Amino acid sequence: MLHILLLFLAVLAVSSAAIFAFLASVPGVVAAFWRLAISIPFLLLIYRPKKVKVAKMAVLAGLALALHFSFWIESLFHASIAVSTTIVCTHSLFSGLFAYLWGEKPRPNQVAGVLIAMVGVYLLSGADAGADAYGILLALAGAVAGGYYFASARFARSVDFPSYLLTTYSSAAFFSMLACLLTSQPIFGYSVSTWTYLILMALIPMLIGHSLLNYLLRHMEVLPVTASVIGEAVGAAILAAVFLNQTLEPQAYIYMLIILSGIALTFLSPKQRNNNGKG
């Protein structure tokens, strides 16, 4: 039950990322860099590690995380928050694929749950006629990178958690900074309001949301965790409607219900299914 509550908190936290990124209104690679860089000192304060074990898998996860953030945040300026976040949340499908290739076989109800949620994602993605192809491709690229990043957290359990988190976040910050330099994007010189949203993005969806997700992936299978993160699409759509007036058609909320139903299905254990079958 504790893990479920932590997962709910994590999804709630990451749902705010799209709003903060949109309001910060800086290029995707810049937002990715500061989201990561600002969170690292707080991680050091929390864990105070005497020694950090650097693992190759954590560095690769950091590269994937940098790509995930950069592509997705940039896509927010080419599609509505609801559609962009919905598409990037298909990372559950890709994380399940990576997990399968690395030896974790999903149960039938988990596969069915993800597929149902993906149907909802597909339907919800059509709720924004103004989205352009470039934004959709960026979000999809972010989904593939996110799938690798999330699956990595599950299969790097031989590395102690503080070391894994610090190495992953630091690597991601480095790769994001490198992307800023290569694309000549300014890292400094932004307004006070922009810095406020960048700090909020670092503290809430990053420090709380992603750190909890990485922790939970050490204790739960990949698909239930990443399928739950599909709920970010629902949370982000609601927040965008409330705070940014990015409203959707009424049927979009039915699609959200389909997504949530698929997520719920991934949590049913074989024992629960048998009991339900006995009526």
C-alpha atoms as a PDB file:
ATOM      1  CA  MET A   1       0.000   0.000   0.000  1.00  0.00           C
ATOM      2  CA  LEU A   2       2.890   2.374   0.785  1.00  0.00           C
ATOM      3  CA  HIS A   3       4.321   1.882  -2.684  1.00  0.00           C
ATOM      4  CA  ILE A   4       0.942   2.669  -4.267  1.00  0.00           C
ATOM      5  CA  LEU A   5       0.672   5.880  -2.243  1.00  0.00           C
ATOM      6  CA  LEU A   6       4.213   6.894  -3.217  1.00  0.00           C
ATOM      7  CA  LEU A   7       3.398   6.146  -6.848  1.00  0.00           C
ATOM      8  CA  PHE A   8       0.310   8.360  -6.664  1.00  0.00           C
ATOM      9  CA  LEU A   9       2.442  11.165  -5.194  1.00  0.00           C
ATOM     10  CA  ALA A  10       5.084  10.690  -7.897  1.00  0.00           C
ATOM     11  CA  VAL A  11       2.547  10.873 -10.727  1.00  0.00           C
ATOM     12  CA  LEU A  12       0.935  13.930  -9.127  1.00  0.00           C
ATOM     13  CA  ALA A  13       4.363  15.600  -8.939  1.00  0.00           C
ATOM     14  CA  VAL A  14       5.415  14.854 -12.521  1.00  0.00           C
ATOM     15  CA  SER A  15       2.028  16.053 -13.802  1.00  0.00           C
ATOM     16  CA  SER A  16       3.092  19.606 -12.964  1.00  0.00           C
ATOM     17  CA  ALA A  17       6.188  19.472 -15.199  1.00  0.00           C
ATOM     18  CA  ALA A  18       4.420  20.474 -18.411  1.00  0.00           C
ATOM     19  CA  ILE A  19       2.859  23.563 -16.825  1.00  0.00           C
ATOM     20  CA  PHE A  20       6.167  24.766 -15.364  1.00  0.00           C
ATOM     21  CA  ALA A  21       8.063  24.059 -18.604  1.00  0.00           C
ATOM     22  CA  PHE A  22       5.485  25.890 -20.697  1.00  0.00           C
ATOM     23  CA  LEU A  23       5.446  28.906 -18.376  1.00  0.00           C
ATOM     24  CA  ALA A  24       9.261  29.026 -18.195  1.00  0.00           C
ATOM     25  CA  SER A  25       9.169  29.358 -22.004  1.00  0.00           C
ATOM     26  CA  VAL A  26      12.815  28.510 -22.671  1.00  0.00           C
ATOM     27  CA  PRO A  27      14.235  26.061 -25.262  1.00  0.00           C
ATOM     28  CA  GLY A  28      13.861  22.390 -24.389  1.00  0.00           C
ATOM     29  CA  VAL A  29      17.575  21.753 -23.823  1.00  0.00           C
ATOM     30  CA  VAL A  30      17.841  24.773 -21.507  1.00  0.00           C
ATOM     31  CA  ALA A  31      14.823  23.701 -19.443  1.00  0.00           C
ATOM     32  CA  ALA A  32      16.215  20.155 -19.296  1.00  0.00           C
ATOM     33  CA  PHE A  33      19.595  21.407 -18.068  1.00  0.00           C
ATOM     34  CA  TRP A  34      18.262  23.626 -15.288  1.00  0.00           C
ATOM     35  CA  ARG A  35      15.617  21.133 -14.221  1.00  0.00           C
ATOM     36  CA  LEU A  36      18.417  18.672 -13.562  1.00  0.00           C
ATOM     37  CA  ALA A  37      21.184  21.006 -12.400  1.00  0.00           C
ATOM     38  CA  ILE A  38      19.063  22.711  -9.733  1.00  0.00           C
ATOM     39  CA  SER A  39      17.871  19.371  -8.321  1.00  0.00           C
ATOM     40  CA  ILE A  40      21.375  17.928  -7.811  1.00  0.00           C
ATOM     41  CA  PRO A  41      22.470  20.116  -4.830  1.00  0.00           C
ATOM     42  CA  PHE A  42      19.251  19.163  -3.037  1.00  0.00           C
ATOM     43  CA  LEU A  43      19.976  15.484  -3.666  1.00  0.00           C
ATOM     44  CA  LEU A  44      23.430  15.958  -2.166  1.00  0.00           C
ATOM     45  CA  LEU A  45      21.877  17.565   0.909  1.00  0.00           C
ATOM     46  CA  ILE A  46      19.430  14.679   1.296  1.00  0.00           C
ATOM     47  CA  TYR A  47      21.907  11.810   0.900  1.00  0.00           C
ATOM     48  CA  ARG A  48      25.262  13.402   1.790  1.00  0.00           C
ATOM     49  CA  PRO A  49      27.191  10.541   0.166  1.00  0.00           C
ATOM     50  CA  LYS A  50      30.820  10.042   1.132  1.00  0.00           C
ATOM     51  CA  LYS A  51      31.487   8.251  -2.130  1.00  0.00           C
ATOM     52  CA  VAL A  52      29.475   7.957  -5.329  1.00  0.00           C
ATOM     53  CA  LYS A  53      29.809   4.781  -7.377  1.00  0.00           C
ATOM     54  CA  VAL A  54      29.627   5.694 -11.062  1.00  0.00           C
ATOM     55  CA  ALA A  55      28.026   2.967 -13.188  1.00  0.00           C
ATOM     56  CA  LYS A  56      27.941   2.803 -16.993  1.00  0.00           C
ATOM     57  CA  MET A  57      24.224   1.994 -16.969  1.00  0.00           C
ATOM     58  CA  ALA A  58      23.489   5.129 -14.921  1.00  0.00           C
ATOM     59  CA  VAL A  59      25.463   7.291 -17.371  1.00  0.00           C
ATOM     60  CA  LEU A  60      23.497   5.832 -20.304  1.00  0.00           C
ATOM     61  CA  ALA A  61      20.283   6.373 -18.367  1.00  0.00           C
ATOM     62  CA  GLY A  62      21.380   9.988 -17.915  1.00  0.00           C
ATOM     63  CA  LEU A  63      21.843  10.386 -21.668  1.00  0.00           C
ATOM     64  CA  ALA A  64      18.370   8.940 -22.239  1.00  0.00           C
ATOM     65  CA  LEU A  65      16.907  11.256 -19.589  1.00  0.00           C
ATOM     66  CA  ALA A  66      18.503  14.324 -21.195  1.00  0.00           C
ATOM     67  CA  LEU A  67      17.027  13.346 -24.567  1.00  0.00           C
ATOM     68  CA  HIS A  68      13.647  12.570 -22.973  1.00  0.00           C
ATOM     69  CA  PHE A  69      13.389  15.994 -21.339  1.00  0.00           C
ATOM     70  CA  SER A  70      14.837  17.986 -24.251  1.00  0.00           C
ATOM     71  CA  PHE A  71      12.631  16.465 -26.945  1.00  0.00           C
ATOM     72  CA  TRP A  72       9.454  16.514 -24.871  1.00  0.00           C
ATOM     73  CA  ILE A  73       9.809  20.047 -23.465  1.00  0.00           C
ATOM     74  CA  GLU A  74      10.490  21.401 -26.960  1.00  0.00           C
ATOM     75  CA  SER A  75       7.373  19.611 -28.225  1.00  0.00           C
ATOM     76  CA  LEU A  76       5.225  21.629 -25.794  1.00  0.00           C
ATOM     77  CA  PHE A  77       5.643  24.647 -28.088  1.00  0.00           C
ATOM     78  CA  HIS A  78       4.355  22.739 -31.131  1.00  0.00           C
ATOM     79  CA  ALA A  79       1.318  20.999 -29.637  1.00  0.00           C
ATOM     80  CA  SER A  80      -1.017  21.451 -26.686  1.00  0.00           C
ATOM     81  CA  ILE A  81       0.174  20.265 -23.290  1.00  0.00           C
ATOM     82  CA  ALA A  82      -2.461  17.523 -23.266  1.00  0.00           C
ATOM     83  CA  VAL A  83      -1.389  16.060 -26.608  1.00  0.00           C
ATOM     84  CA  SER A  84       2.363  16.471 -26.111  1.00  0.00           C
ATOM     85  CA  THR A  85       2.279  14.899 -22.653  1.00  0.00           C
ATOM     86  CA  THR A  86      -0.051  12.152 -23.808  1.00  0.00           C
ATOM     87  CA  ILE A  87       2.302  11.136 -26.616  1.00  0.00           C
ATOM     88  CA  VAL A  88       5.435  11.244 -24.449  1.00  0.00           C
ATOM     89  CA  CYS A  89       3.658   9.039 -21.912  1.00  0.00           C
ATOM     90  CA  THR A  90       3.731   6.205 -24.441  1.00  0.00           C
ATOM     91  CA  HIS A  91       7.166   5.648 -22.899  1.00  0.00           C
ATOM     92  CA  SER A  92       5.358   2.913 -20.956  1.00  0.00           C
ATOM     93  CA  LEU A  93       5.184   0.853 -24.130  1.00  0.00           C
ATOM     94  CA  PHE A  94       8.881   1.348 -24.838  1.00  0.00           C
ATOM     95  CA  SER A  95       9.925   0.740 -21.220  1.00  0.00           C
ATOM     96  CA  GLY A  96       7.983  -2.517 -21.323  1.00  0.00           C
ATOM     97  CA  LEU A  97       9.808  -3.478 -24.511  1.00  0.00           C
ATOM     98  CA  PHE A  98      13.231  -2.709 -23.024  1.00  0.00           C
ATOM     99  CA  ALA A  99      12.303  -4.568 -19.827  1.00  0.00           C
ATOM    100  CA  TYR A 100      11.241  -7.586 -21.890  1.00  0.00           C
ATOM    101  CA  LEU A 101      14.519  -7.555 -23.812  1.00  0.00           C
ATOM    102  CA  TRP A 102      16.358  -7.443 -20.473  1.00  0.00           C
ATOM    103  CA  GLY A 103      14.454 -10.426 -19.086  1.00  0.00           C
ATOM    104  CA  GLU A 104      11.333  -9.151 -17.292  1.00  0.00           C
ATOM    105  CA  LYS A 105       8.271 -10.852 -18.765  1.00  0.00           C
ATOM    106  CA  PRO A 106       5.007  -8.944 -18.210  1.00  0.00           C
ATOM    107  CA  ARG A 107       1.801 -10.670 -17.094  1.00  0.00           C
ATOM    108  CA  PRO A 108      -1.145 -10.749 -19.550  1.00  0.00           C
ATOM    109  CA  ASN A 109      -3.168  -8.238 -17.528  1.00  0.00           C
ATOM    110  CA  GLN A 110      -0.221  -5.820 -17.561  1.00  0.00           C
ATOM    111  CA  VAL A 111       0.069  -6.044 -21.338  1.00  0.00           C
ATOM    112  CA  ALA A 112      -3.706  -5.624 -21.699  1.00  0.00           C
ATOM    113  CA  GLY A 113      -3.701  -2.649 -19.333  1.00  0.00           C
ATOM    114  CA  VAL A 114      -0.951  -0.866 -21.250  1.00  0.00           C
ATOM    115  CA  LEU A 115      -2.697  -1.525 -24.579  1.00  0.00           C
ATOM    116  CA  ILE A 116      -6.002  -0.151 -23.236  1.00  0.00           C
ATOM    117  CA  ALA A 117      -4.211   2.909 -21.872  1.00  0.00           C
ATOM    118  CA  MET A 118      -2.479   3.371 -25.224  1.00  0.00           C
ATOM    119  CA  VAL A 119      -5.857   3.320 -26.995  1.00  0.00           C
ATOM    120  CA  GLY A 120      -6.894   6.144 -24.678  1.00  0.00           C
ATOM    121  CA  VAL A 121      -3.621   7.929 -25.421  1.00  0.00           C
ATOM    122  CA  TYR A 122      -4.227   7.600 -29.164  1.00  0.00           C
ATOM    123  CA  LEU A 123      -7.769   8.968 -28.852  1.00  0.00           C
ATOM    124  CA  LEU A 124      -6.662  11.815 -26.584  1.00  0.00           C
ATOM    125  CA  SER A 125      -3.835  12.761 -28.941  1.00  0.00           C
ATOM    126  CA  GLY A 126      -6.438  13.622 -31.560  1.00  0.00           C
ATOM    127  CA  ALA A 127      -8.045  16.211 -29.296  1.00  0.00           C
ATOM    128  CA  ASP A 128      -5.790  18.993 -30.612  1.00  0.00           C
ATOM    129  CA  ALA A 129      -6.293  19.777 -34.288  1.00  0.00           C
ATOM    130  CA  GLY A 130      -3.613  22.473 -34.072  1.00  0.00           C
ATOM    131  CA  ALA A 131      -0.742  20.119 -33.227  1.00  0.00           C
ATOM    132  CA  ASP A 132       1.920  19.981 -35.950  1.00  0.00           C
ATOM    133  CA  ALA A 133       3.851  16.930 -37.070  1.00  0.00           C
ATOM    134  CA  TYR A 134       7.149  18.271 -35.724  1.00  0.00           C
ATOM    135  CA  GLY A 135       5.758  18.527 -32.204  1.00  0.00           C
ATOM    136  CA  ILE A 136       4.323  15.017 -32.358  1.00  0.00           C
ATOM    137  CA  LEU A 137       7.640  13.575 -33.593  1.00  0.00           C
ATOM    138  CA  LEU A 138       9.530  15.371 -30.824  1.00  0.00           C
ATOM    139  CA  ALA A 139       7.162  13.964 -28.195  1.00  0.00           C
ATOM    140  CA  LEU A 140       7.482  10.469 -29.684  1.00  0.00           C
ATOM    141  CA  ALA A 141      11.295  10.701 -29.618  1.00  0.00           C
ATOM    142  CA  GLY A 142      11.009  11.750 -25.981  1.00  0.00           C
ATOM    143  CA  ALA A 143       8.859   8.687 -25.338  1.00  0.00           C
ATOM    144  CA  VAL A 144      11.464   6.271 -26.740  1.00  0.00           C
ATOM    145  CA  ALA A 145      14.244   7.882 -24.692  1.00  0.00           C
ATOM    146  CA  GLY A 146      12.019   7.894 -21.612  1.00  0.00           C
ATOM    147  CA  GLY A 147      11.310   4.195 -22.044  1.00  0.00           C
ATOM    148  CA  TYR A 148      15.020   3.381 -21.900  1.00  0.00           C
ATOM    149  CA  TYR A 149      15.535   5.670 -18.913  1.00  0.00           C
ATOM    150  CA  PHE A 150      12.737   4.127 -16.839  1.00  0.00           C
ATOM    151  CA  ALA A 151      13.663   0.545 -17.683  1.00  0.00           C
ATOM    152  CA  SER A 152      17.281   1.254 -16.719  1.00  0.00           C
ATOM    153  CA  ALA A 153      16.242   2.173 -13.185  1.00  0.00           C
ATOM    154  CA  ARG A 154      14.761  -1.300 -12.756  1.00  0.00           C
ATOM    155  CA  PHE A 155      17.831  -3.147 -14.006  1.00  0.00           C
ATOM    156  CA  ALA A 156      20.533  -1.130 -12.242  1.00  0.00           C
ATOM    157  CA  ARG A 157      19.663  -2.306  -8.737  1.00  0.00           C
ATOM    158  CA  SER A 158      23.213  -3.537  -8.156  1.00  0.00           C
ATOM    159  CA  VAL A 159      24.174   0.139  -7.833  1.00  0.00           C
ATOM    160  CA  ASP A 160      23.184   1.760  -4.542  1.00  0.00           C
ATOM    161  CA  PHE A 161      20.255   4.144  -4.946  1.00  0.00           C
ATOM    162  CA  PRO A 162      21.995   7.464  -4.072  1.00  0.00           C
ATOM    163  CA  SER A 163      24.860   6.678  -6.470  1.00  0.00           C
ATOM    164  CA  TYR A 164      22.468   5.708  -9.250  1.00  0.00           C
ATOM    165  CA  LEU A 165      20.321   8.810  -8.821  1.00  0.00           C
ATOM    166  CA  LEU A 166      23.243  11.238  -8.574  1.00  0.00           C
ATOM    167  CA  THR A 167      25.086   9.693 -11.527  1.00  0.00           C
ATOM    168  CA  THR A 168      21.965   9.617 -13.697  1.00  0.00           C
ATOM    169  CA  TYR A 169      20.935  13.197 -12.916  1.00  0.00           C
ATOM    170  CA  SER A 170      24.495  14.544 -13.193  1.00  0.00           C
ATOM    171  CA  SER A 171      25.083  12.781 -16.510  1.00  0.00           C
ATOM    172  CA  ALA A 172      21.764  14.067 -17.831  1.00  0.00           C
ATOM    173  CA  ALA A 173      22.676  17.620 -16.751  1.00  0.00           C
ATOM    174  CA  PHE A 174      26.066  17.320 -18.479  1.00  0.00           C
ATOM    175  CA  PHE A 175      24.564  16.058 -21.748  1.00  0.00           C
ATOM    176  CA  SER A 176      21.876  18.774 -21.624  1.00  0.00           C
ATOM    177  CA  MET A 177      24.514  21.467 -21.057  1.00  0.00           C
ATOM    178  CA  LEU A 178      26.527  20.065 -23.964  1.00  0.00           C
ATOM    179  CA  ALA A 179      23.430  20.281 -26.158  1.00  0.00           C
ATOM    180  CA  CYS A 180      22.928  23.905 -25.090  1.00  0.00           C
ATOM    181  CA  LEU A 181      26.516  24.749 -26.094  1.00  0.00           C
ATOM    182  CA  LEU A 182      26.337  22.893 -29.407  1.00  0.00           C
ATOM    183  CA  THR A 183      23.067  24.591 -30.359  1.00  0.00           C
ATOM    184  CA  SER A 184      24.173  28.021 -29.017  1.00  0.00           C
ATOM    185  CA  GLN A 185      21.249  28.243 -26.593  1.00  0.00           C
ATOM    186  CA  PRO A 186      21.795  30.767 -23.758  1.00  0.00           C
ATOM    187  CA  ILE A 187      21.923  29.200 -20.292  1.00  0.00           C
ATOM    188  CA  PHE A 188      21.705  32.487 -18.384  1.00  0.00           C
ATOM    189  CA  GLY A 189      19.991  35.850 -18.790  1.00  0.00           C
ATOM    190  CA  TYR A 190      16.369  34.926 -18.105  1.00  0.00           C
ATOM    191  CA  SER A 191      13.661  36.775 -16.188  1.00  0.00           C
ATOM    192  CA  VAL A 192      12.786  36.246 -12.529  1.00  0.00           C
ATOM    193  CA  SER A 193       9.538  34.517 -13.466  1.00  0.00           C
ATOM    194  CA  THR A 194      11.398  32.098 -15.747  1.00  0.00           C
ATOM    195  CA  TRP A 195      13.850  31.215 -12.958  1.00  0.00           C
ATOM    196  CA  THR A 196      10.905  30.693 -10.610  1.00  0.00           C
ATOM    197  CA  TYR A 197       9.315  28.131 -12.924  1.00  0.00           C
ATOM    198  CA  LEU A 198      12.651  26.413 -13.586  1.00  0.00           C
ATOM    199  CA  ILE A 199      13.218  26.049  -9.834  1.00  0.00           C
ATOM    200  CA  LEU A 200       9.699  24.723  -9.320  1.00  0.00           C
ATOM    201  CA  MET A 201      10.267  22.241 -12.151  1.00  0.00           C
ATOM    202  CA  ALA A 202      13.478  21.060 -10.495  1.00  0.00           C
ATOM    203  CA  LEU A 203      11.969  20.664  -7.037  1.00  0.00           C
ATOM    204  CA  ILE A 204       8.528  19.182  -7.687  1.00  0.00           C
ATOM    205  CA  PRO A 205       8.465  16.977 -10.818  1.00  0.00           C
ATOM    206  CA  MET A 206      12.225  16.280 -10.736  1.00  0.00           C
ATOM    207  CA  LEU A 207      13.388  16.003  -7.136  1.00  0.00           C
ATOM    208  CA  ILE A 208      10.107  14.552  -5.841  1.00  0.00           C
ATOM    209  CA  GLY A 209       8.483  12.946  -8.885  1.00  0.00           C
ATOM    210  CA  HIS A 210      11.359  11.329 -10.750  1.00  0.00           C
ATOM    211  CA  SER A 211      13.291  10.404  -7.623  1.00  0.00           C
ATOM    212  CA  LEU A 212      10.258   8.548  -6.282  1.00  0.00           C
ATOM    213  CA  LEU A 213       9.749   6.788  -9.615  1.00  0.00           C
ATOM    214  CA  ASN A 214      13.373   5.654  -9.663  1.00  0.00           C
ATOM    215  CA  TYR A 215      12.995   4.388  -6.102  1.00  0.00           C
ATOM    216  CA  LEU A 216       9.755   2.527  -6.865  1.00  0.00           C
ATOM    217  CA  LEU A 217      11.272   0.846  -9.913  1.00  0.00           C
ATOM    218  CA  ARG A 218      13.617  -0.924  -7.504  1.00  0.00           C
ATOM    219  CA  HIS A 219      10.639  -2.455  -5.716  1.00  0.00           C
ATOM    220  CA  MET A 220       7.993  -2.863  -8.416  1.00  0.00           C
ATOM    221  CA  GLU A 221       7.912  -4.245 -11.947  1.00  0.00           C
ATOM    222  CA  VAL A 222       8.464  -1.813 -14.814  1.00  0.00           C
ATOM    223  CA  LEU A 223       5.021  -1.899 -16.426  1.00  0.00           C
ATOM    224  CA  PRO A 224       2.850  -1.049 -13.389  1.00  0.00           C
ATOM    225  CA  VAL A 225       5.091   1.928 -12.589  1.00  0.00           C
ATOM    226  CA  THR A 226       5.422   3.291 -16.116  1.00  0.00           C
ATOM    227  CA  ALA A 227       1.766   2.586 -16.899  1.00  0.00           C
ATOM    228  CA  SER A 228       0.885   4.714 -13.879  1.00  0.00           C
ATOM    229  CA  VAL A 229       3.005   7.530 -15.246  1.00  0.00           C
ATOM    230  CA  ILE A 230       0.611   7.554 -18.220  1.00  0.00           C
ATOM    231  CA  GLY A 231      -1.656   9.214 -15.664  1.00  0.00           C
ATOM    232  CA  GLU A 232       0.606  12.250 -16.086  1.00  0.00           C
ATOM    233  CA  ALA A 233      -1.209  12.881 -19.363  1.00  0.00           C
ATOM    234  CA  VAL A 234      -4.484  13.174 -17.489  1.00  0.00           C
ATOM    235  CA  GLY A 235      -3.051  15.350 -14.718  1.00  0.00           C
ATOM    236  CA  ALA A 236      -1.258  17.651 -17.169  1.00  0.00           C
ATOM    237  CA  ALA A 237      -4.380  18.036 -19.316  1.00  0.00           C
ATOM    238  CA  ILE A 238      -6.455  19.034 -16.299  1.00  0.00           C
ATOM    239  CA  LEU A 239      -3.816  21.490 -15.042  1.00  0.00           C
ATOM    240  CA  ALA A 240      -3.479  23.013 -18.524  1.00  0.00           C
ATOM    241  CA  ALA A 241      -7.235  23.514 -18.705  1.00  0.00           C
ATOM    242  CA  VAL A 242      -7.349  25.130 -15.250  1.00  0.00           C
ATOM    243  CA  PHE A 243      -4.249  27.343 -15.381  1.00  0.00           C
ATOM    244  CA  LEU A 244      -3.638  27.950 -19.101  1.00  0.00           C
ATOM    245  CA  ASN A 245      -7.165  27.676 -20.493  1.00  0.00           C
ATOM    246  CA  GLN A 246      -6.034  24.929 -22.893  1.00  0.00           C
ATOM    247  CA  THR A 247      -9.446  23.290 -22.942  1.00  0.00           C
ATOM    248  CA  LEU A 248     -10.296  20.030 -24.688  1.00  0.00           C
ATOM    249  CA  GLU A 249     -13.423  18.641 -26.259  1.00  0.00           C
ATOM    250  CA  PRO A 250     -15.814  16.933 -23.771  1.00  0.00           C
ATOM    251  CA  GLN A 251     -15.023  13.475 -25.174  1.00  0.00           C
ATOM    252  CA  ALA A 252     -11.382  13.972 -24.157  1.00  0.00           C
ATOM    253  CA  TYR A 253     -12.374  13.288 -20.570  1.00  0.00           C
ATOM    254  CA  ILE A 254     -13.859   9.951 -21.622  1.00  0.00           C
ATOM    255  CA  TYR A 255     -10.508   9.127 -23.206  1.00  0.00           C
ATOM    256  CA  MET A 256      -8.834  10.019 -19.908  1.00  0.00           C
ATOM    257  CA  LEU A 257     -11.108   7.523 -18.147  1.00  0.00           C
ATOM    258  CA  ILE A 258     -10.011   4.839 -20.629  1.00  0.00           C
ATOM    259  CA  ILE A 259      -6.366   5.639 -19.838  1.00  0.00           C
ATOM    260  CA  LEU A 260      -6.954   5.392 -16.084  1.00  0.00           C
ATOM    261  CA  SER A 261      -8.851   2.103 -16.511  1.00  0.00           C
ATOM    262  CA  GLY A 262      -5.898   0.613 -18.376  1.00  0.00           C
ATOM    263  CA  ILE A 263      -3.533   1.747 -15.636  1.00  0.00           C
ATOM    264  CA  ALA A 264      -5.729   0.161 -12.963  1.00  0.00           C
ATOM    265  CA  LEU A 265      -5.703  -3.155 -14.856  1.00  0.00           C
ATOM    266  CA  THR A 266      -1.902  -3.376 -14.690  1.00  0.00           C
ATOM    267  CA  PHE A 267      -2.087  -3.587 -10.886  1.00  0.00           C
ATOM    268  CA  LEU A 268      -4.272  -6.693 -10.720  1.00  0.00           C
ATOM    269  CA  SER A 269      -2.314  -9.683  -9.453  1.00  0.00           C
ATOM    270  CA  PRO A 270      -3.045 -13.253 -10.621  1.00  0.00           C
ATOM    271  CA  LYS A 271      -4.613 -14.005  -7.222  1.00  0.00           C
ATOM    272  CA  GLN A 272      -6.916 -10.994  -7.496  1.00  0.00           C
ATOM    273  CA  ARG A 273      -8.004 -12.041 -10.955  1.00  0.00           C
ATOM    274  CA  ASN A 274      -8.834 -15.561  -9.754  1.00  0.00           C
ATOM    275  CA  ASN A 275     -10.820 -14.221  -6.841  1.00  0.00           C
ATOM    276  CA  ASN A 276     -12.694 -11.888  -9.145  1.00  0.00           C
ATOM    277  CA  GLY A 277     -13.377 -14.787 -11.479  1.00  0.00           C
ATOM    278  CA  LYS A 278     -14.921 -16.834  -8.675  1.00  0.00           C
ATOM    279  CA  GLY A 279     -17.341 -14.006  -7.974  1.00  0.00           C
END
